[in-house]
Amino acid sequence: MIKSVLAATAAAPLFAGAAFAGPYVNVEANSGFVGSDYAGTTTDAHVGYEGALGDAGWYVQAGPSLFAPDGGATETEFSGKAGIGAPLTDALSVYGEFAFATGANGADNGYGTKVGVKYSF
């Protein structure tokens, strides 16, 4: 769940009005809940680069992730993501993202993908 929120937030710059190409820093905290039970927070401190390929926008970013589960030991791992978005028409665009995180507390590495369409009124 935390990675889904992270991925959705990361895709937002792909559809911004102004074009920007270059490096950036993205510090982001994502907290997760199961019902009303707090599960923990992951804080990413990523360095990235974004640019354009014709009308399409893309980005890559990576850096340390501080995993702080509720009641558990805090651990620093490594995570990153890459994404692209492109307009199909003036109102319709598509996007995709690949994300990864090394496994916290000895767990396997995690990977995620996201694809979607966005229709603007």
PDB file of N, CA and C in Angstrom:
ATOM      1  N   MET A   1       0.818  -1.188   0.000  1.00  0.00           N
ATOM      2  CA  MET A   1       0.000   0.000   0.000  1.00  0.00           C
ATOM      3  C   MET A   1       0.862   1.252   0.000  1.00  0.00           C
ATOM      4  N   ILE A   2       1.888   1.262   0.806  1.00  0.00           N
ATOM      5  CA  ILE A   2       2.751   2.431   0.891  1.00  0.00           C
ATOM      6  C   ILE A   2       3.383   2.696  -0.471  1.00  0.00           C
ATOM      7  N   LYS A   3       3.820   1.662  -1.156  1.00  0.00           N
ATOM      8  CA  LYS A   3       4.448   1.849  -2.458  1.00  0.00           C
ATOM      9  C   LYS A   3       3.448   2.346  -3.489  1.00  0.00           C
ATOM     10  N   SER A   4       2.168   1.978  -3.370  1.00  0.00           N
ATOM     11  CA  SER A   4       1.159   2.483  -4.291  1.00  0.00           C
ATOM     12  C   SER A   4       0.983   3.981  -4.140  1.00  0.00           C
ATOM     13  N   VAL A   5       0.941   4.450  -2.902  1.00  0.00           N
ATOM     14  CA  VAL A   5       0.828   5.888  -2.650  1.00  0.00           C
ATOM     15  C   VAL A   5       2.063   6.589  -3.190  1.00  0.00           C
ATOM     16  N   LEU A   6       3.217   6.029  -2.950  1.00  0.00           N
ATOM     17  CA  LEU A   6       4.475   6.595  -3.418  1.00  0.00           C
ATOM     18  C   LEU A   6       4.469   6.682  -4.939  1.00  0.00           C
ATOM     19  N   ALA A   7       4.035   5.646  -5.595  1.00  0.00           N
ATOM     20  CA  ALA A   7       4.023   5.624  -7.051  1.00  0.00           C
ATOM     21  C   ALA A   7       3.049   6.643  -7.623  1.00  0.00           C
ATOM     22  N   ALA A   8       1.878   6.769  -7.018  1.00  0.00           N
ATOM     23  CA  ALA A   8       0.898   7.744  -7.493  1.00  0.00           C
ATOM     24  C   ALA A   8       1.430   9.160  -7.363  1.00  0.00           C
ATOM     25  N   THR A   9       2.110   9.444  -6.274  1.00  0.00           N
ATOM     26  CA  THR A   9       2.682  10.768  -6.065  1.00  0.00           C
ATOM     27  C   THR A   9       3.776  11.051  -7.078  1.00  0.00           C
ATOM     28  N   ALA A  10       4.563  10.055  -7.381  1.00  0.00           N
ATOM     29  CA  ALA A  10       5.669  10.235  -8.322  1.00  0.00           C
ATOM     30  C   ALA A  10       5.180  10.515  -9.732  1.00  0.00           C
ATOM     31  N   ALA A  11       4.048   9.974 -10.115  1.00  0.00           N
ATOM     32  CA  ALA A  11       3.539  10.168 -11.469  1.00  0.00           C
ATOM     33  C   ALA A  11       2.967  11.564 -11.678  1.00  0.00           C
ATOM     34  N   ALA A  12       2.617  12.266 -10.621  1.00  0.00           N
ATOM     35  CA  ALA A  12       1.998  13.581 -10.737  1.00  0.00           C
ATOM     36  C   ALA A  12       2.822  14.563 -11.566  1.00  0.00           C
ATOM     37  N   PRO A  13       4.150  14.639 -11.421  1.00  0.00           N
ATOM     38  CA  PRO A  13       4.906  15.596 -12.224  1.00  0.00           C
ATOM     39  C   PRO A  13       4.836  15.341 -13.722  1.00  0.00           C
ATOM     40  N   LEU A  14       4.482  14.153 -14.128  1.00  0.00           N
ATOM     41  CA  LEU A  14       4.420  13.846 -15.551  1.00  0.00           C
ATOM     42  C   LEU A  14       3.334  14.642 -16.263  1.00  0.00           C
ATOM     43  N   PHE A  15       2.373  15.150 -15.514  1.00  0.00           N
ATOM     44  CA  PHE A  15       1.241  15.815 -16.136  1.00  0.00           C
ATOM     45  C   PHE A  15       1.160  17.289 -15.750  1.00  0.00           C
ATOM     46  N   ALA A  16       2.247  17.852 -15.265  1.00  0.00           N
ATOM     47  CA  ALA A  16       2.286  19.263 -14.927  1.00  0.00           C
ATOM     48  C   ALA A  16       2.286  20.084 -16.205  1.00  0.00           C
ATOM     49  N   GLY A  17       1.807  21.317 -16.122  1.00  0.00           N
ATOM     50  CA  GLY A  17       1.710  22.163 -17.297  1.00  0.00           C
ATOM     51  C   GLY A  17       3.049  22.632 -17.831  1.00  0.00           C
ATOM     52  N   ALA A  18       3.971  23.021 -16.975  1.00  0.00           N
ATOM     53  CA  ALA A  18       5.240  23.565 -17.436  1.00  0.00           C
ATOM     54  C   ALA A  18       6.248  22.450 -17.686  1.00  0.00           C
ATOM     55  N   ALA A  19       7.019  22.611 -18.742  1.00  0.00           N
ATOM     56  CA  ALA A  19       8.051  21.618 -19.049  1.00  0.00           C
ATOM     57  C   ALA A  19       9.326  21.986 -18.302  1.00  0.00           C
ATOM     58  N   PHE A  20       9.946  20.991 -17.680  1.00  0.00           N
ATOM     59  CA  PHE A  20      11.190  21.195 -16.958  1.00  0.00           C
ATOM     60  C   PHE A  20      12.065  19.985 -17.181  1.00  0.00           C
ATOM     61  N   ALA A  21      13.321  20.222 -17.481  1.00  0.00           N
ATOM     62  CA  ALA A  21      14.258  19.116 -17.639  1.00  0.00           C
ATOM     63  C   ALA A  21      15.434  19.373 -16.717  1.00  0.00           C
ATOM     64  N   GLY A  22      15.783  18.393 -15.947  1.00  0.00           N
ATOM     65  CA  GLY A  22      16.945  18.554 -15.092  1.00  0.00           C
ATOM     66  C   GLY A  22      16.839  17.789 -13.802  1.00  0.00           C
ATOM     67  N   PRO A  23      17.832  17.982 -12.938  1.00  0.00           N
ATOM     68  CA  PRO A  23      17.876  17.259 -11.668  1.00  0.00           C
ATOM     69  C   PRO A  23      16.918  17.842 -10.638  1.00  0.00           C
ATOM     70  N   TYR A  24      16.558  17.004  -9.665  1.00  0.00           N
ATOM     71  CA  TYR A  24      15.700  17.444  -8.564  1.00  0.00           C
ATOM     72  C   TYR A  24      15.929  16.559  -7.352  1.00  0.00           C
ATOM     73  N   VAL A  25      15.446  16.999  -6.212  1.00  0.00           N
ATOM     74  CA  VAL A  25      15.446  16.222  -4.976  1.00  0.00           C
ATOM     75  C   VAL A  25      13.991  16.040  -4.570  1.00  0.00           C
ATOM     76  N   ASN A  26      13.619  14.822  -4.194  1.00  0.00           N
ATOM     77  CA  ASN A  26      12.256  14.524  -3.783  1.00  0.00           C
ATOM     78  C   ASN A  26      12.308  13.815  -2.433  1.00  0.00           C
ATOM     79  N   VAL A  27      11.913  14.517  -1.368  1.00  0.00           N
ATOM     80  CA  VAL A  27      11.827  13.920  -0.036  1.00  0.00           C
ATOM     81  C   VAL A  27      10.345  13.726   0.249  1.00  0.00           C
ATOM     82  N   GLU A  28       9.978  12.488   0.584  1.00  0.00           N
ATOM     83  CA  GLU A  28       8.566  12.139   0.686  1.00  0.00           C
ATOM     84  C   GLU A  28       8.355  11.133   1.803  1.00  0.00           C
ATOM     85  N   ALA A  29       7.332  11.354   2.620  1.00  0.00           N
ATOM     86  CA  ALA A  29       6.968  10.411   3.685  1.00  0.00           C
ATOM     87  C   ALA A  29       5.605   9.815   3.368  1.00  0.00           C
ATOM     88  N   ASN A  30       5.507   8.491   3.418  1.00  0.00           N
ATOM     89  CA  ASN A  30       4.261   7.769   3.159  1.00  0.00           C
ATOM     90  C   ASN A  30       3.948   6.890   4.351  1.00  0.00           C
ATOM     91  N   SER A  31       2.769   7.091   4.934  1.00  0.00           N
ATOM     92  CA  SER A  31       2.333   6.287   6.078  1.00  0.00           C
ATOM     93  C   SER A  31       1.239   5.337   5.629  1.00  0.00           C
ATOM     94  N   GLY A  32       1.209   4.147   6.231  1.00  0.00           N
ATOM     95  CA  GLY A  32       0.212   3.149   5.882  1.00  0.00           C
ATOM     96  C   GLY A  32      -0.661   2.784   7.070  1.00  0.00           C
ATOM     97  N   PHE A  33      -1.900   2.449   6.776  1.00  0.00           N
ATOM     98  CA  PHE A  33      -2.872   2.048   7.787  1.00  0.00           C
ATOM     99  C   PHE A  33      -3.639   0.846   7.286  1.00  0.00           C
ATOM    100  N   VAL A  34      -4.005  -0.058   8.179  1.00  0.00           N
ATOM    101  CA  VAL A  34      -4.922  -1.147   7.888  1.00  0.00           C
ATOM    102  C   VAL A  34      -6.136  -0.857   8.754  1.00  0.00           C
ATOM    103  N   GLY A  35      -7.226  -0.412   8.112  1.00  0.00           N
ATOM    104  CA  GLY A  35      -8.344   0.110   8.876  1.00  0.00           C
ATOM    105  C   GLY A  35      -7.871   1.360   9.598  1.00  0.00           C
ATOM    106  N   SER A  36      -8.025   1.395  10.905  1.00  0.00           N
ATOM    107  CA  SER A  36      -7.530   2.535  11.685  1.00  0.00           C
ATOM    108  C   SER A  36      -6.215   2.200  12.394  1.00  0.00           C
ATOM    109  N   ASP A  37      -5.640   1.037  12.102  1.00  0.00           N
ATOM    110  CA  ASP A  37      -4.401   0.600  12.737  1.00  0.00           C
ATOM    111  C   ASP A  37      -3.192   1.093  11.940  1.00  0.00           C
ATOM    112  N   TYR A  38      -2.361   1.927  12.551  1.00  0.00           N
ATOM    113  CA  TYR A  38      -1.160   2.470  11.917  1.00  0.00           C
ATOM    114  C   TYR A  38      -0.140   1.367  11.701  1.00  0.00           C
ATOM    115  N   ALA A  39       0.383   1.241  10.465  1.00  0.00           N
ATOM    116  CA  ALA A  39       1.345   0.195  10.135  1.00  0.00           C
ATOM    117  C   ALA A  39       2.776   0.694  10.131  1.00  0.00           C
ATOM    118  N   GLY A  40       2.996   1.963   9.778  1.00  0.00           N
ATOM    119  CA  GLY A  40       4.345   2.500   9.745  1.00  0.00           C
ATOM    120  C   GLY A  40       4.494   3.579   8.697  1.00  0.00           C
ATOM    121  N   THR A  41       5.713   4.123   8.606  1.00  0.00           N
ATOM    122  CA  THR A  41       6.013   5.196   7.658  1.00  0.00           C
ATOM    123  C   THR A  41       7.315   4.889   6.927  1.00  0.00           C
ATOM    124  N   THR A  42       7.321   5.151   5.647  1.00  0.00           N
ATOM    125  CA  THR A  42       8.527   5.071   4.832  1.00  0.00           C
ATOM    126  C   THR A  42       8.842   6.478   4.346  1.00  0.00           C
ATOM    127  N   THR A  43      10.070   6.931   4.588  1.00  0.00           N
ATOM    128  CA  THR A  43      10.508   8.240   4.132  1.00  0.00           C
ATOM    129  C   THR A  43      11.616   8.063   3.107  1.00  0.00           C
ATOM    130  N   ASP A  44      11.379   8.564   1.903  1.00  0.00           N
ATOM    131  CA  ASP A  44      12.354   8.483   0.817  1.00  0.00           C
ATOM    132  C   ASP A  44      13.075   9.809   0.680  1.00  0.00           C
ATOM    133  N   ALA A  45      14.368   9.752   0.418  1.00  0.00           N
ATOM    134  CA  ALA A  45      15.174  10.929   0.100  1.00  0.00           C
ATOM    135  C   ALA A  45      15.842  10.651  -1.240  1.00  0.00           C
ATOM    136  N   HIS A  46      15.112  10.921  -2.316  1.00  0.00           N
ATOM    137  CA  HIS A  46      15.558  10.569  -3.656  1.00  0.00           C
ATOM    138  C   HIS A  46      16.163  11.759  -4.388  1.00  0.00           C
ATOM    139  N   VAL A  47      17.147  11.465  -5.214  1.00  0.00           N
ATOM    140  CA  VAL A  47      17.688  12.406  -6.180  1.00  0.00           C
ATOM    141  C   VAL A  47      17.256  11.893  -7.538  1.00  0.00           C
ATOM    142  N   GLY A  48      16.769  12.797  -8.377  1.00  0.00           N
ATOM    143  CA  GLY A  48      16.258  12.350  -9.661  1.00  0.00           C
ATOM    144  C   GLY A  48      16.589  13.274 -10.796  1.00  0.00           C
ATOM    145  N   TYR A  49      16.144  12.854 -11.960  1.00  0.00           N
ATOM    146  CA  TYR A  49      16.305  13.639 -13.168  1.00  0.00           C
ATOM    147  C   TYR A  49      15.050  13.439 -14.001  1.00  0.00           C
ATOM    148  N   GLU A  50      14.531  14.530 -14.568  1.00  0.00           N
ATOM    149  CA  GLU A  50      13.349  14.435 -15.416  1.00  0.00           C
ATOM    150  C   GLU A  50      13.592  15.178 -16.717  1.00  0.00           C
ATOM    151  N   GLY A  51      12.862  14.770 -17.737  1.00  0.00           N
ATOM    152  CA  GLY A  51      13.033  15.404 -19.031  1.00  0.00           C
ATOM    153  C   GLY A  51      11.884  15.086 -19.951  1.00  0.00           C
ATOM    154  N   ALA A  52      12.065  15.390 -21.214  1.00  0.00           N
ATOM    155  CA  ALA A  52      11.021  15.181 -22.211  1.00  0.00           C
ATOM    156  C   ALA A  52      11.582  14.414 -23.400  1.00  0.00           C
ATOM    157  N   LEU A  53      10.715  13.626 -23.998  1.00  0.00           N
ATOM    158  CA  LEU A  53      10.981  12.932 -25.259  1.00  0.00           C
ATOM    159  C   LEU A  53       9.836  13.317 -26.188  1.00  0.00           C
ATOM    160  N   GLY A  54      10.005  14.367 -26.942  1.00  0.00           N
ATOM    161  CA  GLY A  54       8.891  14.887 -27.720  1.00  0.00           C
ATOM    162  C   GLY A  54       7.832  15.419 -26.768  1.00  0.00           C
ATOM    163  N   ASP A  55       6.599  14.945 -26.897  1.00  0.00           N
ATOM    164  CA  ASP A  55       5.518  15.358 -26.004  1.00  0.00           C
ATOM    165  C   ASP A  55       5.491  14.564 -24.699  1.00  0.00           C
ATOM    166  N   ALA A  56       6.251  13.487 -24.628  1.00  0.00           N
ATOM    167  CA  ALA A  56       6.251  12.629 -23.441  1.00  0.00           C
ATOM    168  C   ALA A  56       7.172  13.192 -22.364  1.00  0.00           C
ATOM    169  N   GLY A  57       6.792  13.012 -21.111  1.00  0.00           N
ATOM    170  CA  GLY A  57       7.640  13.366 -19.975  1.00  0.00           C
ATOM    171  C   GLY A  57       8.123  12.106 -19.289  1.00  0.00           C
ATOM    172  N   TRP A  58       9.349  12.121 -18.768  1.00  0.00           N
ATOM    173  CA  TRP A  58       9.909  10.949 -18.093  1.00  0.00           C
ATOM    174  C   TRP A  58      10.690  11.385 -16.863  1.00  0.00           C
ATOM    175  N   TYR A  59      10.942  10.445 -15.967  1.00  0.00           N
ATOM    176  CA  TYR A  59      11.760  10.711 -14.784  1.00  0.00           C
ATOM    177  C   TYR A  59      12.413   9.431 -14.298  1.00  0.00           C
ATOM    178  N   VAL A  60      13.526   9.578 -13.607  1.00  0.00           N
ATOM    179  CA  VAL A  60      14.183   8.498 -12.864  1.00  0.00           C
ATOM    180  C   VAL A  60      14.630   9.095 -11.545  1.00  0.00           C
ATOM    181  N   GLN A  61      14.506   8.344 -10.462  1.00  0.00           N
ATOM    182  CA  GLN A  61      14.958   8.822  -9.159  1.00  0.00           C
ATOM    183  C   GLN A  61      15.276   7.639  -8.263  1.00  0.00           C
ATOM    184  N   ALA A  62      16.219   7.863  -7.345  1.00  0.00           N
ATOM    185  CA  ALA A  62      16.607   6.796  -6.420  1.00  0.00           C
ATOM    186  C   ALA A  62      17.309   7.416  -5.225  1.00  0.00           C
ATOM    187  N   GLY A  63      17.377   6.637  -4.150  1.00  0.00           N
ATOM    188  CA  GLY A  63      18.072   7.085  -2.946  1.00  0.00           C
ATOM    189  C   GLY A  63      17.674   6.249  -1.752  1.00  0.00           C
ATOM    190  N   PRO A  64      18.082   6.696  -0.560  1.00  0.00           N
ATOM    191  CA  PRO A  64      17.774   5.938   0.648  1.00  0.00           C
ATOM    192  C   PRO A  64      16.296   6.035   1.033  1.00  0.00           C
ATOM    193  N   SER A  65      15.797   4.960   1.626  1.00  0.00           N
ATOM    194  CA  SER A  65      14.442   4.905   2.177  1.00  0.00           C
ATOM    195  C   SER A  65      14.543   4.480   3.631  1.00  0.00           C
ATOM    196  N   LEU A  66      13.961   5.253   4.507  1.00  0.00           N
ATOM    197  CA  LEU A  66      13.950   4.963   5.939  1.00  0.00           C
ATOM    198  C   LEU A  66      12.621   4.287   6.260  1.00  0.00           C
ATOM    199  N   PHE A  67      12.663   2.977   6.571  1.00  0.00           N
ATOM    200  CA  PHE A  67      11.467   2.207   6.914  1.00  0.00           C
ATOM    201  C   PHE A  67      11.294   2.220   8.428  1.00  0.00           C
ATOM    202  N   ALA A  68      10.165   2.730   8.886  1.00  0.00           N
ATOM    203  CA  ALA A  68       9.881   2.810  10.317  1.00  0.00           C
ATOM    204  C   ALA A  68       8.544   2.136  10.593  1.00  0.00           C
ATOM    205  N   PRO A  69       8.521   0.803  10.739  1.00  0.00           N
ATOM    206  CA  PRO A  69       7.259   0.114  11.035  1.00  0.00           C
ATOM    207  C   PRO A  69       6.800   0.403  12.456  1.00  0.00           C
ATOM    208  N   ASP A  70       5.495   0.399  12.660  1.00  0.00           N
ATOM    209  CA  ASP A  70       4.950   0.648  13.992  1.00  0.00           C
ATOM    210  C   ASP A  70       5.437  -0.425  14.955  1.00  0.00           C
ATOM    211  N   GLY A  71       6.141  -0.022  15.997  1.00  0.00           N
ATOM    212  CA  GLY A  71       6.612  -0.945  17.014  1.00  0.00           C
ATOM    213  C   GLY A  71       7.823  -1.760  16.617  1.00  0.00           C
ATOM    214  N   GLY A  72       8.383  -1.524  15.435  1.00  0.00           N
ATOM    215  CA  GLY A  72       9.531  -2.300  14.973  1.00  0.00           C
ATOM    216  C   GLY A  72      10.771  -1.434  14.855  1.00  0.00           C
ATOM    217  N   ALA A  73      11.881  -2.079  14.537  1.00  0.00           N
ATOM    218  CA  ALA A  73      13.145  -1.371  14.387  1.00  0.00           C
ATOM    219  C   ALA A  73      13.171  -0.619  13.055  1.00  0.00           C
ATOM    220  N   THR A  74      13.689   0.603  13.080  1.00  0.00           N
ATOM    221  CA  THR A  74      13.828   1.407  11.878  1.00  0.00           C
ATOM    222  C   THR A  74      15.042   0.923  11.092  1.00  0.00           C
ATOM    223  N   GLU A  75      14.890   0.842   9.772  1.00  0.00           N
ATOM    224  CA  GLU A  75      15.963   0.360   8.918  1.00  0.00           C
ATOM    225  C   GLU A  75      16.043   1.214   7.661  1.00  0.00           C
ATOM    226  N   THR A  76      17.249   1.467   7.194  1.00  0.00           N
ATOM    227  CA  THR A  76      17.449   2.219   5.958  1.00  0.00           C
ATOM    228  C   THR A  76      17.746   1.254   4.822  1.00  0.00           C
ATOM    229  N   GLU A  77      17.015   1.388   3.746  1.00  0.00           N
ATOM    230  CA  GLU A  77      17.185   0.574   2.546  1.00  0.00           C
ATOM    231  C   GLU A  77      17.366   1.499   1.355  1.00  0.00           C
ATOM    232  N   PHE A  78      17.322   0.962   0.152  1.00  0.00           N
ATOM    233  CA  PHE A  78      17.503   1.732  -1.074  1.00  0.00           C
ATOM    234  C   PHE A  78      16.289   1.527  -1.960  1.00  0.00           C
ATOM    235  N   SER A  79      15.795   2.606  -2.576  1.00  0.00           N
ATOM    236  CA  SER A  79      14.633   2.487  -3.457  1.00  0.00           C
ATOM    237  C   SER A  79      14.762   3.448  -4.627  1.00  0.00           C
ATOM    238  N   GLY A  80      13.936   3.227  -5.614  1.00  0.00           N
ATOM    239  CA  GLY A  80      13.937   4.105  -6.773  1.00  0.00           C
ATOM    240  C   GLY A  80      12.758   3.826  -7.664  1.00  0.00           C
ATOM    241  N   LYS A  81      12.617   4.663  -8.674  1.00  0.00           N
ATOM    242  CA  LYS A  81      11.517   4.501  -9.618  1.00  0.00           C
ATOM    243  C   LYS A  81      11.844   5.214 -10.917  1.00  0.00           C
ATOM    244  N   ALA A  82      11.195   4.786 -11.977  1.00  0.00           N
ATOM    245  CA  ALA A  82      11.305   5.414 -13.284  1.00  0.00           C
ATOM    246  C   ALA A  82       9.919   5.412 -13.902  1.00  0.00           C
ATOM    247  N   GLY A  83       9.587   6.505 -14.595  1.00  0.00           N
ATOM    248  CA  GLY A  83       8.261   6.588 -15.176  1.00  0.00           C
ATOM    249  C   GLY A  83       8.244   7.412 -16.439  1.00  0.00           C
ATOM    250  N   ILE A  84       7.151   7.275 -17.168  1.00  0.00           N
ATOM    251  CA  ILE A  84       6.951   8.028 -18.405  1.00  0.00           C
ATOM    252  C   ILE A  84       5.459   8.299 -18.557  1.00  0.00           C
ATOM    253  N   GLY A  85       5.137   9.428 -19.148  1.00  0.00           N
ATOM    254  CA  GLY A  85       3.754   9.786 -19.433  1.00  0.00           C
ATOM    255  C   GLY A  85       3.693  10.517 -20.758  1.00  0.00           C
ATOM    256  N   ALA A  86       2.603  10.305 -21.501  1.00  0.00           N
ATOM    257  CA  ALA A  86       2.488  10.932 -22.815  1.00  0.00           C
ATOM    258  C   ALA A  86       1.031  11.252 -23.116  1.00  0.00           C
ATOM    259  N   PRO A  87       0.805  12.400 -23.746  1.00  0.00           N
ATOM    260  CA  PRO A  87      -0.561  12.737 -24.150  1.00  0.00           C
ATOM    261  C   PRO A  87      -0.977  11.940 -25.383  1.00  0.00           C
ATOM    262  N   LEU A  88      -2.216  11.492 -25.406  1.00  0.00           N
ATOM    263  CA  LEU A  88      -2.779  10.854 -26.591  1.00  0.00           C
ATOM    264  C   LEU A  88      -3.618  11.862 -27.371  1.00  0.00           C
ATOM    265  N   THR A  89      -4.352  12.703 -26.624  1.00  0.00           N
ATOM    266  CA  THR A  89      -5.129  13.812 -27.185  1.00  0.00           C
ATOM    267  C   THR A  89      -4.972  14.980 -26.215  1.00  0.00           C
ATOM    268  N   ASP A  90      -5.692  16.081 -26.466  1.00  0.00           N
ATOM    269  CA  ASP A  90      -5.637  17.212 -25.535  1.00  0.00           C
ATOM    270  C   ASP A  90      -6.183  16.842 -24.160  1.00  0.00           C
ATOM    271  N   ALA A  91      -7.085  15.876 -24.077  1.00  0.00           N
ATOM    272  CA  ALA A  91      -7.726  15.519 -22.819  1.00  0.00           C
ATOM    273  C   ALA A  91      -7.306  14.164 -22.261  1.00  0.00           C
ATOM    274  N   LEU A  92      -6.646  13.341 -23.046  1.00  0.00           N
ATOM    275  CA  LEU A  92      -6.343  11.971 -22.631  1.00  0.00           C
ATOM    276  C   LEU A  92      -4.835  11.722 -22.675  1.00  0.00           C
ATOM    277  N   SER A  93      -4.303  11.166 -21.585  1.00  0.00           N
ATOM    278  CA  SER A  93      -2.886  10.822 -21.529  1.00  0.00           C
ATOM    279  C   SER A  93      -2.719   9.449 -20.894  1.00  0.00           C
ATOM    280  N   VAL A  94      -1.554   8.837 -21.112  1.00  0.00           N
ATOM    281  CA  VAL A  94      -1.215   7.541 -20.540  1.00  0.00           C
ATOM    282  C   VAL A  94       0.072   7.691 -19.738  1.00  0.00           C
ATOM    283  N   TYR A  95       0.260   6.812 -18.744  1.00  0.00           N
ATOM    284  CA  TYR A  95       1.489   6.842 -17.948  1.00  0.00           C
ATOM    285  C   TYR A  95       1.837   5.452 -17.463  1.00  0.00           C
ATOM    286  N   GLY A  96       3.107   5.283 -17.118  1.00  0.00           N
ATOM    287  CA  GLY A  96       3.575   4.022 -16.566  1.00  0.00           C
ATOM    288  C   GLY A  96       4.754   4.266 -15.645  1.00  0.00           C
ATOM    289  N   GLU A  97       4.941   3.349 -14.708  1.00  0.00           N
ATOM    290  CA  GLU A  97       6.029   3.489 -13.744  1.00  0.00           C
ATOM    291  C   GLU A  97       6.518   2.117 -13.298  1.00  0.00           C
ATOM    292  N   PHE A  98       7.824   2.029 -13.046  1.00  0.00           N
ATOM    293  CA  PHE A  98       8.449   0.862 -12.433  1.00  0.00           C
ATOM    294  C   PHE A  98       9.136   1.346 -11.162  1.00  0.00           C
ATOM    295  N   ALA A  99       8.921   0.657 -10.039  1.00  0.00           N
ATOM    296  CA  ALA A  99       9.529   1.042  -8.760  1.00  0.00           C
ATOM    297  C   ALA A  99      10.153  -0.185  -8.105  1.00  0.00           C
ATOM    298  N   PHE A 100      11.169   0.053  -7.268  1.00  0.00           N
ATOM    299  CA  PHE A 100      11.812  -1.036  -6.541  1.00  0.00           C
ATOM    300  C   PHE A 100      12.237  -0.543  -5.163  1.00  0.00           C
ATOM    301  N   ALA A 101      12.413  -1.477  -4.256  1.00  0.00           N
ATOM    302  CA  ALA A 101      12.960  -1.190  -2.924  1.00  0.00           C
ATOM    303  C   ALA A 101      13.682  -2.441  -2.442  1.00  0.00           C
ATOM    304  N   THR A 102      14.865  -2.246  -1.860  1.00  0.00           N
ATOM    305  CA  THR A 102      15.552  -3.399  -1.283  1.00  0.00           C
ATOM    306  C   THR A 102      14.769  -3.850  -0.060  1.00  0.00           C
ATOM    307  N   GLY A 103      14.913  -5.102   0.307  1.00  0.00           N
ATOM    308  CA  GLY A 103      14.124  -5.684   1.380  1.00  0.00           C
ATOM    309  C   GLY A 103      14.545  -5.215   2.759  1.00  0.00           C
ATOM    310  N   ALA A 104      13.602  -4.728   3.524  1.00  0.00           N
ATOM    311  CA  ALA A 104      13.849  -4.313   4.904  1.00  0.00           C
ATOM    312  C   ALA A 104      13.861  -5.529   5.815  1.00  0.00           C
ATOM    313  N   ASN A 105      14.714  -5.504   6.813  1.00  0.00           N
ATOM    314  CA  ASN A 105      14.801  -6.565   7.812  1.00  0.00           C
ATOM    315  C   ASN A 105      15.008  -7.941   7.183  1.00  0.00           C
ATOM    316  N   GLY A 106      15.814  -8.003   6.134  1.00  0.00           N
ATOM    317  CA  GLY A 106      16.138  -9.280   5.500  1.00  0.00           C
ATOM    318  C   GLY A 106      15.095  -9.810   4.538  1.00  0.00           C
ATOM    319  N   ALA A 107      14.040  -9.054   4.278  1.00  0.00           N
ATOM    320  CA  ALA A 107      12.995  -9.505   3.360  1.00  0.00           C
ATOM    321  C   ALA A 107      13.497  -9.424   1.913  1.00  0.00           C
ATOM    322  N   ASP A 108      12.786 -10.085   1.018  1.00  0.00           N
ATOM    323  CA  ASP A 108      13.116 -10.013  -0.400  1.00  0.00           C
ATOM    324  C   ASP A 108      12.932  -8.591  -0.913  1.00  0.00           C
ATOM    325  N   ASN A 109      13.642  -8.260  -1.995  1.00  0.00           N
ATOM    326  CA  ASN A 109      13.440  -6.970  -2.646  1.00  0.00           C
ATOM    327  C   ASN A 109      12.006  -6.875  -3.142  1.00  0.00           C
ATOM    328  N   GLY A 110      11.490  -5.655  -3.188  1.00  0.00           N
ATOM    329  CA  GLY A 110      10.134  -5.428  -3.672  1.00  0.00           C
ATOM    330  C   GLY A 110      10.153  -4.676  -4.992  1.00  0.00           C
ATOM    331  N   TYR A 111       9.212  -5.009  -5.870  1.00  0.00           N
ATOM    332  CA  TYR A 111       9.104  -4.376  -7.173  1.00  0.00           C
ATOM    333  C   TYR A 111       7.648  -4.054  -7.437  1.00  0.00           C
ATOM    334  N   GLY A 112       7.410  -3.008  -8.180  1.00  0.00           N
ATOM    335  CA  GLY A 112       6.029  -2.650  -8.508  1.00  0.00           C
ATOM    336  C   GLY A 112       5.958  -1.978  -9.866  1.00  0.00           C
ATOM    337  N   THR A 113       4.825  -2.128 -10.507  1.00  0.00           N
ATOM    338  CA  THR A 113       4.575  -1.451 -11.764  1.00  0.00           C
ATOM    339  C   THR A 113       3.223  -0.751 -11.670  1.00  0.00           C
ATOM    340  N   LYS A 114       3.080   0.259 -12.506  1.00  0.00           N
ATOM    341  CA  LYS A 114       1.810   0.973 -12.559  1.00  0.00           C
ATOM    342  C   LYS A 114       1.620   1.460 -13.986  1.00  0.00           C
ATOM    343  N   VAL A 115       0.426   1.306 -14.520  1.00  0.00           N
ATOM    344  CA  VAL A 115       0.045   1.883 -15.803  1.00  0.00           C
ATOM    345  C   VAL A 115      -1.343   2.491 -15.640  1.00  0.00           C
ATOM    346  N   GLY A 116      -1.601   3.529 -16.376  1.00  0.00           N
ATOM    347  CA  GLY A 116      -2.910   4.151 -16.264  1.00  0.00           C
ATOM    348  C   GLY A 116      -3.178   5.136 -17.363  1.00  0.00           C
ATOM    349  N   VAL A 117      -4.414   5.602 -17.391  1.00  0.00           N
ATOM    350  CA  VAL A 117      -4.835   6.655 -18.294  1.00  0.00           C
ATOM    351  C   VAL A 117      -5.440   7.766 -17.452  1.00  0.00           C
ATOM    352  N   LYS A 118      -5.306   8.978 -17.950  1.00  0.00           N
ATOM    353  CA  LYS A 118      -5.855  10.142 -17.254  1.00  0.00           C
ATOM    354  C   LYS A 118      -6.668  10.952 -18.252  1.00  0.00           C
ATOM    355  N   TYR A 119      -7.938  11.245 -17.887  1.00  0.00           N
ATOM    356  CA  TYR A 119      -8.801  12.057 -18.724  1.00  0.00           C
ATOM    357  C   TYR A 119      -9.058  13.369 -18.010  1.00  0.00           C
ATOM    358  N   SER A 120      -8.748  14.471 -18.657  1.00  0.00           N
ATOM    359  CA  SER A 120      -8.949  15.808 -18.080  1.00  0.00           C
ATOM    360  C   SER A 120     -10.178  16.452 -18.695  1.00  0.00           C
ATOM    361  N   PHE A 121     -11.013  17.056 -17.843  1.00  0.00           N
ATOM    362  CA  PHE A 121     -12.251  17.712 -18.307  1.00  0.00           C
ATOM    363  C   PHE A 121     -11.973  19.127 -18.733  1.00  0.00           C
TER     364      PHE A 121
END
